[in-house]
Amino acid sequence: MRRLGLAFTGLLLALVCIGAAAFASDEKIILNPNGARQGIDFESDPAGAMKSARERVAAGDLPGAIKGLATYVAAHATEGDPARLLGDLYYRSGDLPKAESTYRSILALYPKDRETHNRLGTVLATENRVDDAIAEFNASLPGTDSVGDLVALHAKKGDLQAYRAKLELLADTYPTFTAAQSELGQAYAALHRPSEAARMFRRALDNDPTDITALNGLGLAMLDLRAYDLAAGNFKRCLQIDPTDYSCADNLGATYLETGRQAEAEAILTTAHNLAPERGEALVNFGYLADIRGDWKGAVAWYVKALALSPFARDAYFDLGLVYDQHQLYDQAEAVLVKGIAVNPNDGPLHAVLGQTYQDAGKNALALEQFRLAAASLDPTIVALARSRFAALDGGHTPAP
């Protein structure tokens, strides 16, 4: 999940917020206690292998991180956590076949590992393998943040209303089933209905006050509703329960950014980045922090760093294109946004910003097409914006569906 604030009357704001981290699998992943039994010449140390890989990523050496971790994983095939991180790094490097193969090798050993099903669903969704991705995301539930992805996939498939009705029926039928309430909350959040999302997350927390997914989701809903103190309170509660939760740390940083608490934002974003340097959301928020401090070139550097970490860092494309457009670097903005749309073809906000870029550059025919595409967004704010811009350029007409 992510939160984007758009205001084309002034500076466009893009705070990167993300969904809750996946819960642990029902099926325990076994660590290899003695690699030497398999003829391995180095001992099992999954935590050390992952730490080393993350340190290389933090130092800007993603290929080196992949090479070192791949060597370790090959020698310790039953250790699921390092293998999952390796799959993540393959995905972030753009090597989807190796990411898929790595995740499937984990699932061959641990078929109920929900975190890995979630990751595999992301790969398949990126490849537009809609039905296969839906199956993997469903297999990752309950306990992961896959519902937002499922909403997008069912919208693409054309059966979103049926999917939503199923979640609503499940939540109504089992009011004390925490996961059912939380999943419906995630669906409402993905449909940009934060008040309804908050109601469902509160129901989930009534059943289990320590539910990380619900705490993070409620925080995001409060952020959308501009109830900043309540948002921060939920993210802090999440971190009290699990100080290592990247999502809640990054989202707390985003909350501080939105309320102008720059020093506190920088501190918690640094904590988030140190927890998972292979993830790019905190880097994009660092870029936003640089931008509001007046260092737009520094912001560009952060966004480029996020994209170097992953060609699928959608929010980095958005914010980088936005900064280029604001500084009248229209060719650069167009190049970045077109690439972002190639990765995320149905992303309404990306289409809207590209449309604005074309309009600013005087390419009104191209702008109209982008505003037409943006008007198909699930976000009513983007829809209203796109329709208004389209009408202003096309003599009061509204975009055809």
Protein backbone atom coordinates (compact mmCIF):
# COMPACT_ATOMS: atom_id res chain seq x y z
CA MET A 1 0.00 0.00 0.00
CA ARG A 2 1.04 3.59 -0.53
CA ARG A 3 -0.36 7.05 0.01
CA LEU A 4 -0.08 9.80 -2.58
CA GLY A 5 -1.26 13.36 -2.08
CA LEU A 6 -1.79 15.31 -5.30
CA ALA A 7 -2.30 19.08 -5.55
CA PHE A 8 -1.74 20.43 -9.03
CA THR A 9 -2.47 23.95 -7.80
CA GLY A 10 0.85 23.96 -5.99
CA LEU A 11 3.68 21.59 -5.35
CA LEU A 12 2.59 18.00 -5.83
CA LEU A 13 3.21 15.90 -2.77
CA ALA A 14 4.08 12.22 -2.81
CA LEU A 15 4.65 10.62 0.56
CA VAL A 16 5.55 6.97 0.32
CA CYS A 17 3.62 4.79 2.73
CA ILE A 18 3.57 1.05 2.67
CA GLY A 19 1.50 -1.84 3.92
CA ALA A 20 2.17 -3.98 6.92
CA ALA A 21 4.91 -6.57 6.78
CA ALA A 22 3.83 -10.14 6.26
CA PHE A 23 3.31 -12.33 9.28
CA ALA A 24 5.37 -15.44 9.82
CA SER A 25 4.37 -18.56 7.99
CA ASP A 26 2.29 -21.28 9.59
CA GLU A 27 4.97 -23.68 8.44
CA LYS A 28 8.28 -23.22 10.20
CA ILE A 29 11.29 -22.82 7.94
CA ILE A 30 14.06 -25.10 9.10
CA LEU A 31 17.59 -23.81 9.38
CA ASN A 32 20.35 -26.09 8.25
CA PRO A 33 22.16 -26.94 11.51
CA ASN A 34 25.29 -28.32 9.95
CA GLY A 35 26.24 -27.49 6.39
CA ALA A 36 29.27 -29.75 6.60
CA ARG A 37 26.99 -32.78 6.47
CA GLN A 38 26.16 -31.80 2.89
CA GLY A 39 29.78 -31.31 2.00
CA ILE A 40 29.60 -27.55 2.55
CA ASP A 41 32.85 -25.83 3.44
CA PHE A 42 31.28 -23.07 5.54
CA GLU A 43 28.94 -23.22 8.48
CA SER A 44 25.29 -22.31 8.59
CA ASP A 45 24.78 -18.66 9.53
CA PRO A 46 21.53 -17.39 7.99
CA ALA A 47 21.45 -14.17 10.01
CA GLY A 48 25.04 -13.42 9.09
CA ALA A 49 24.46 -14.15 5.41
CA MET A 50 21.48 -11.82 5.32
CA LYS A 51 23.32 -9.11 7.25
CA SER A 52 26.23 -9.28 4.82
CA ALA A 53 23.90 -9.02 1.83
CA ARG A 54 22.08 -6.04 3.31
CA GLU A 55 25.36 -4.31 4.07
CA ARG A 56 26.39 -4.71 0.44
CA VAL A 57 23.06 -3.33 -0.72
CA ALA A 58 23.44 -0.36 1.63
CA ALA A 59 26.88 0.26 0.14
CA GLY A 60 25.40 0.33 -3.35
CA ASP A 61 26.62 -3.11 -4.42
CA LEU A 62 23.41 -4.94 -5.34
CA PRO A 63 25.18 -7.33 -7.78
CA GLY A 64 27.71 -8.23 -5.09
CA ALA A 65 24.94 -8.79 -2.57
CA ILE A 66 23.17 -11.12 -4.97
CA LYS A 67 26.33 -13.05 -5.82
CA GLY A 68 27.34 -13.57 -2.21
CA LEU A 69 23.88 -14.53 -1.01
CA ALA A 70 23.32 -16.85 -3.98
CA THR A 71 26.48 -18.72 -3.04
CA TYR A 72 25.29 -19.10 0.51
CA VAL A 73 21.78 -20.19 -0.49
CA ALA A 74 23.14 -22.80 -2.88
CA ALA A 75 25.07 -24.30 0.02
CA HIS A 76 22.18 -24.15 2.50
CA ALA A 77 19.14 -25.05 0.44
CA THR A 78 16.79 -25.64 3.37
CA GLU A 79 17.22 -22.19 4.90
CA GLY A 80 14.18 -20.26 3.80
CA ASP A 81 14.89 -16.76 5.10
CA PRO A 82 18.14 -16.18 3.16
CA ALA A 83 16.54 -17.71 0.07
CA ARG A 84 13.57 -15.36 0.36
CA LEU A 85 15.87 -12.36 0.65
CA LEU A 86 17.74 -13.60 -2.42
CA GLY A 87 14.45 -13.74 -4.31
CA ASP A 88 13.72 -10.20 -3.17
CA LEU A 89 17.09 -9.01 -4.47
CA TYR A 90 16.56 -10.74 -7.80
CA TYR A 91 13.18 -9.02 -8.06
CA ARG A 92 14.62 -5.63 -7.18
CA SER A 93 17.36 -6.08 -9.77
CA GLY A 94 14.73 -6.79 -12.42
CA ASP A 95 15.56 -10.49 -12.84
CA LEU A 96 12.02 -11.82 -12.61
CA PRO A 97 12.77 -15.39 -13.80
CA LYS A 98 15.37 -15.92 -11.07
CA ALA A 99 13.12 -14.32 -8.47
CA GLU A 100 10.28 -16.65 -9.43
CA SER A 101 12.54 -19.69 -9.46
CA THR A 102 13.93 -18.83 -6.03
CA TYR A 103 10.50 -18.33 -4.48
CA ARG A 104 9.22 -21.57 -6.01
CA SER A 105 12.19 -23.47 -4.59
CA ILE A 106 11.21 -22.25 -1.11
CA LEU A 107 7.59 -23.22 -1.62
CA ALA A 108 8.63 -26.69 -2.79
CA LEU A 109 10.05 -27.19 0.73
CA TYR A 110 7.55 -25.05 2.66
CA PRO A 111 4.29 -24.91 0.66
CA LYS A 112 2.43 -22.96 3.36
CA ASP A 113 4.95 -20.15 3.70
CA ARG A 114 2.73 -17.13 3.27
CA GLU A 115 5.47 -14.54 2.98
CA THR A 116 6.89 -16.36 -0.02
CA HIS A 117 3.48 -16.74 -1.65
CA ASN A 118 3.11 -12.96 -1.27
CA ARG A 119 6.46 -12.33 -2.96
CA LEU A 120 5.72 -14.77 -5.77
CA GLY A 121 2.37 -13.05 -6.32
CA THR A 122 4.20 -9.75 -6.77
CA VAL A 123 6.47 -11.25 -9.42
CA LEU A 124 3.55 -12.77 -11.31
CA ALA A 125 1.54 -9.54 -11.09
CA THR A 126 4.50 -7.64 -12.51
CA GLU A 127 4.50 -10.06 -15.43
CA ASN A 128 0.73 -9.47 -15.86
CA ARG A 129 -0.04 -13.13 -15.09
CA VAL A 130 -3.25 -12.08 -13.42
CA ASP A 131 -4.88 -15.40 -12.47
CA ASP A 132 -1.61 -16.93 -11.26
CA ALA A 133 -0.85 -13.82 -9.19
CA ILE A 134 -4.33 -13.88 -7.64
CA ALA A 135 -3.81 -17.51 -6.65
CA GLU A 136 -0.49 -16.72 -4.95
CA PHE A 137 -1.81 -13.67 -3.12
CA ASN A 138 -4.77 -15.69 -1.88
CA ALA A 139 -2.37 -18.37 -0.66
CA SER A 140 -0.53 -15.69 1.34
CA LEU A 141 -3.62 -14.90 3.42
CA PRO A 142 -4.40 -14.44 6.23
CA GLY A 143 -1.71 -12.30 7.74
CA THR A 144 -0.05 -10.49 4.85
CA ASP A 145 -0.82 -7.21 3.10
CA SER A 146 -1.81 -8.84 -0.19
CA VAL A 147 -5.37 -7.50 -0.33
CA GLY A 148 -4.40 -4.21 -1.97
CA ASP A 149 -2.71 -6.17 -4.74
CA LEU A 150 -5.76 -8.39 -5.05
CA VAL A 151 -8.01 -5.35 -5.42
CA ALA A 152 -5.86 -4.08 -8.30
CA LEU A 153 -5.81 -7.51 -9.96
CA HIS A 154 -9.55 -8.05 -9.64
CA ALA A 155 -10.13 -4.56 -11.05
CA LYS A 156 -7.99 -5.52 -14.02
CA LYS A 157 -9.83 -8.82 -14.37
CA GLY A 158 -13.22 -7.10 -14.18
CA ASP A 159 -14.66 -8.87 -11.13
CA LEU A 160 -13.78 -6.37 -8.42
CA GLN A 161 -17.34 -5.99 -7.15
CA ALA A 162 -17.68 -9.73 -6.64
CA TYR A 163 -14.36 -9.86 -4.80
CA ARG A 164 -15.35 -6.98 -2.55
CA ALA A 165 -18.74 -8.59 -1.82
CA LYS A 166 -16.98 -11.79 -0.79
CA LEU A 167 -14.77 -9.94 1.68
CA GLU A 168 -17.75 -8.05 3.11
CA LEU A 169 -19.72 -11.26 3.56
CA LEU A 170 -16.79 -12.95 5.30
CA ALA A 171 -16.29 -10.00 7.66
CA ASP A 172 -20.00 -9.84 8.51
CA THR A 173 -20.27 -13.59 9.01
CA TYR A 174 -17.22 -13.84 11.27
CA PRO A 175 -17.10 -10.57 13.25
CA THR A 176 -14.54 -11.93 15.73
CA PHE A 177 -12.19 -13.24 13.01
CA THR A 178 -9.43 -10.63 13.11
CA ALA A 179 -8.04 -11.40 9.67
CA ALA A 180 -11.44 -11.03 7.98
CA GLN A 181 -11.90 -7.53 9.44
CA SER A 182 -8.34 -6.54 8.56
CA GLU A 183 -8.59 -7.82 5.00
CA LEU A 184 -11.77 -5.87 4.37
CA GLY A 185 -10.04 -2.84 5.84
CA GLN A 186 -7.20 -3.29 3.36
CA ALA A 187 -9.71 -3.56 0.52
CA TYR A 188 -11.45 -0.33 1.54
CA ALA A 189 -8.05 1.36 1.81
CA ALA A 190 -7.14 0.22 -1.71
CA LEU A 191 -10.48 1.59 -2.89
CA HIS A 192 -9.60 4.95 -1.26
CA ARG A 193 -12.34 4.77 1.35
CA PRO A 194 -10.31 5.57 4.49
CA SER A 195 -13.23 6.04 6.89
CA GLU A 196 -14.59 2.59 6.12
CA ALA A 197 -11.08 1.16 6.23
CA ALA A 198 -10.56 2.67 9.69
CA ARG A 199 -13.80 1.14 10.92
CA MET A 200 -12.73 -2.34 9.86
CA PHE A 201 -9.22 -2.00 11.27
CA ARG A 202 -10.71 -0.92 14.60
CA ARG A 203 -12.87 -4.02 14.55
CA ALA A 204 -9.79 -6.13 13.98
CA LEU A 205 -8.01 -4.42 16.86
CA ASP A 206 -11.00 -4.98 19.13
CA ASN A 207 -10.36 -8.68 18.58
CA ASP A 208 -6.57 -8.47 18.76
CA PRO A 209 -4.98 -5.18 19.93
CA THR A 210 -1.54 -6.44 18.85
CA ASP A 211 -2.43 -7.10 15.20
CA ILE A 212 0.38 -5.41 13.25
CA THR A 213 -1.49 -5.37 9.93
CA ALA A 214 -4.47 -3.62 11.54
CA LEU A 215 -2.34 -1.13 13.46
CA ASN A 216 -0.43 -0.18 10.34
CA GLY A 217 -3.61 -0.07 8.28
CA LEU A 218 -5.40 2.11 10.82
CA GLY A 219 -2.40 4.44 10.89
CA LEU A 220 -2.53 4.78 7.11
CA ALA A 221 -6.27 5.43 7.19
CA MET A 222 -5.77 8.15 9.80
CA LEU A 223 -3.04 9.64 7.64
CA ASP A 224 -5.43 9.75 4.69
CA LEU A 225 -7.99 11.44 6.94
CA ARG A 226 -5.33 13.93 8.11
CA ALA A 227 -5.67 12.77 11.70
CA TYR A 228 -1.93 12.92 12.11
CA ASP A 229 -1.64 12.40 15.85
CA LEU A 230 -3.81 9.28 15.63
CA ALA A 231 -1.79 8.03 12.68
CA ALA A 232 1.49 8.48 14.53
CA GLY A 233 0.03 6.81 17.63
CA ASN A 234 -0.83 3.67 15.69
CA PHE A 235 2.57 3.46 14.04
CA LYS A 236 4.28 3.95 17.41
CA ARG A 237 2.14 1.22 18.96
CA CYS A 238 3.14 -1.06 16.10
CA LEU A 239 6.81 -0.36 16.79
CA GLN A 240 6.33 -1.00 20.50
CA ILE A 241 5.10 -4.47 19.60
CA ASP A 242 7.75 -5.05 16.93
CA PRO A 243 10.62 -2.53 16.83
CA THR A 244 11.92 -4.18 13.64
CA ASP A 245 8.79 -3.53 11.56
CA TYR A 246 10.00 -1.63 8.50
CA SER A 247 6.57 -0.61 7.28
CA CYS A 248 5.48 1.06 10.50
CA ALA A 249 8.82 2.84 10.88
CA ASP A 250 8.70 4.20 7.34
CA ASN A 251 5.06 5.22 7.68
CA LEU A 252 5.79 7.03 10.94
CA GLY A 253 8.49 8.91 9.06
CA ALA A 254 5.98 9.81 6.36
CA THR A 255 3.59 11.10 9.03
CA TYR A 256 6.30 13.29 10.50
CA LEU A 257 7.12 14.61 7.02
CA GLU A 258 3.52 15.58 6.43
CA THR A 259 3.38 17.46 9.74
CA GLY A 260 6.68 19.27 9.23
CA ARG A 261 8.64 17.39 11.90
CA GLN A 262 11.68 17.02 9.70
CA ALA A 263 14.29 16.03 12.27
CA GLU A 264 12.07 13.31 13.73
CA ALA A 265 11.23 12.13 10.23
CA GLU A 266 14.89 11.85 9.31
CA ALA A 267 15.66 9.86 12.46
CA ILE A 268 12.91 7.26 12.06
CA LEU A 269 13.49 6.98 8.30
CA THR A 270 17.14 6.24 9.03
CA THR A 271 15.99 3.50 11.40
CA ALA A 272 13.71 2.09 8.70
CA HIS A 273 16.43 2.14 6.07
CA ASN A 274 18.88 0.42 8.39
CA LEU A 275 16.31 -2.32 9.06
CA ALA A 276 15.96 -3.15 5.35
CA PRO A 277 18.37 -1.28 3.06
CA GLU A 278 17.20 -3.47 0.18
CA ARG A 279 13.82 -1.71 0.24
CA GLY A 280 13.34 1.63 -1.46
CA GLU A 281 10.38 3.30 0.27
CA ALA A 282 12.50 5.07 2.87
CA LEU A 283 14.85 6.31 0.14
CA VAL A 284 11.93 7.95 -1.65
CA ASN A 285 10.88 9.61 1.59
CA PHE A 286 14.45 10.84 2.06
CA GLY A 287 14.08 12.36 -1.40
CA TYR A 288 10.90 14.12 -0.39
CA LEU A 289 12.63 15.38 2.76
CA ALA A 290 15.46 16.83 0.66
CA ASP A 291 12.93 18.47 -1.64
CA ILE A 292 11.02 20.23 1.15
CA ARG A 293 14.35 21.42 2.51
CA GLY A 294 14.95 23.17 -0.82
CA ASP A 295 17.48 20.68 -2.22
CA TRP A 296 15.66 19.41 -5.29
CA LYS A 297 18.85 18.06 -6.86
CA GLY A 298 19.50 16.09 -3.68
CA ALA A 299 15.94 14.78 -3.94
CA VAL A 300 16.65 13.62 -7.49
CA ALA A 301 19.72 11.77 -6.24
CA TRP A 302 17.61 9.89 -3.65
CA TYR A 303 14.98 8.96 -6.21
CA VAL A 304 17.64 7.75 -8.65
CA LYS A 305 19.17 5.69 -5.84
CA ALA A 306 15.79 4.07 -5.20
CA LEU A 307 15.43 3.24 -8.89
CA ALA A 308 18.95 1.82 -8.99
CA LEU A 309 17.87 -0.46 -6.17
CA SER A 310 14.75 -1.55 -8.05
CA PRO A 311 13.31 -0.87 -11.51
CA PHE A 312 9.87 -1.46 -9.95
CA ALA A 313 10.09 1.38 -7.39
CA ARG A 314 6.85 2.95 -8.58
CA ASP A 315 6.87 5.84 -6.13
CA ALA A 316 10.39 6.82 -7.16
CA TYR A 317 9.21 7.20 -10.77
CA PHE A 318 6.29 9.32 -9.58
CA ASP A 319 8.31 11.69 -7.40
CA LEU A 320 11.24 11.95 -9.80
CA GLY A 321 8.96 12.76 -12.70
CA LEU A 322 7.18 15.30 -10.52
CA VAL A 323 10.39 17.08 -9.55
CA TYR A 324 11.57 17.23 -13.16
CA ASP A 325 8.20 18.66 -14.27
CA GLN A 326 8.24 21.27 -11.51
CA HIS A 327 11.65 22.43 -12.71
CA GLN A 328 10.54 22.50 -16.36
CA LEU A 329 12.78 19.58 -17.32
CA TYR A 330 10.00 18.13 -19.41
CA ASP A 331 12.03 15.68 -21.48
CA GLN A 332 13.52 14.12 -18.36
CA ALA A 333 10.11 14.01 -16.68
CA GLU A 334 8.56 12.34 -19.72
CA ALA A 335 11.31 9.72 -19.91
CA VAL A 336 10.99 8.82 -16.24
CA LEU A 337 7.20 8.69 -16.22
CA VAL A 338 6.93 6.69 -19.43
CA LYS A 339 9.30 4.12 -17.93
CA GLY A 340 7.28 4.07 -14.71
CA ILE A 341 4.08 3.48 -16.66
CA ALA A 342 5.75 0.65 -18.57
CA VAL A 343 6.24 -1.02 -15.19
CA ASN A 344 2.83 0.07 -13.82
CA PRO A 345 0.57 0.47 -16.87
CA ASN A 346 -2.68 1.02 -14.95
CA ASP A 347 -1.35 3.52 -12.43
CA GLY A 348 -3.66 6.53 -12.42
CA PRO A 349 -1.37 8.96 -10.58
CA LEU A 350 1.51 8.25 -12.97
CA HIS A 351 -0.76 8.91 -15.96
CA ALA A 352 -2.00 12.11 -14.30
CA VAL A 353 1.49 13.48 -13.72
CA LEU A 354 2.58 12.53 -17.25
CA GLY A 355 -0.50 14.33 -18.53
CA GLN A 356 0.44 17.40 -16.51
CA THR A 357 3.99 17.18 -17.91
CA TYR A 358 2.70 17.04 -21.48
CA GLN A 359 0.35 19.95 -20.81
CA ASP A 360 3.15 22.03 -19.31
CA ALA A 361 5.28 21.23 -22.35
CA GLY A 362 2.50 22.28 -24.72
CA LYS A 363 1.77 18.75 -25.98
CA ASN A 364 -1.95 18.92 -25.44
CA ALA A 365 -2.97 15.93 -27.56
CA LEU A 366 -0.64 13.67 -25.58
CA ALA A 367 -1.86 15.26 -22.33
CA LEU A 368 -5.48 14.46 -23.21
CA GLU A 369 -4.67 10.78 -23.68
CA GLN A 370 -2.89 10.59 -20.32
CA PHE A 371 -5.74 12.35 -18.51
CA ARG A 372 -8.17 9.93 -20.17
CA LEU A 373 -6.17 6.98 -18.84
CA ALA A 374 -5.86 8.58 -15.40
CA ALA A 375 -9.65 8.96 -15.25
CA ALA A 376 -9.92 5.17 -15.01
CA SER A 377 -8.13 5.20 -11.62
CA LEU A 378 -9.65 3.67 -8.51
CA ASP A 379 -8.75 6.89 -6.67
CA PRO A 380 -11.66 9.37 -6.87
CA THR A 381 -9.29 12.30 -6.32
CA ILE A 382 -7.26 11.30 -9.37
CA VAL A 383 -10.44 10.69 -11.37
CA ALA A 384 -11.81 14.16 -10.56
CA LEU A 385 -8.47 15.78 -11.33
CA ALA A 386 -8.05 13.96 -14.63
CA ARG A 387 -11.59 14.69 -15.76
CA SER A 388 -11.18 18.37 -14.88
CA ARG A 389 -7.89 18.65 -16.75
CA PHE A 390 -9.29 16.79 -19.73
CA ALA A 391 -12.34 19.06 -19.88
CA ALA A 392 -10.19 22.19 -19.64
CA LEU A 393 -8.12 21.06 -22.60
CA ASP A 394 -10.98 19.70 -24.70
CA GLY A 395 -13.63 22.38 -24.58
CA GLY A 396 -15.57 21.04 -21.63
CA HIS A 397 -15.83 17.46 -22.86
CA THR A 398 -15.26 14.60 -20.44
CA PRO A 399 -13.04 11.62 -21.26
CA ALA A 400 -14.71 8.59 -22.81
CA PRO A 401 -14.36 5.42 -20.71
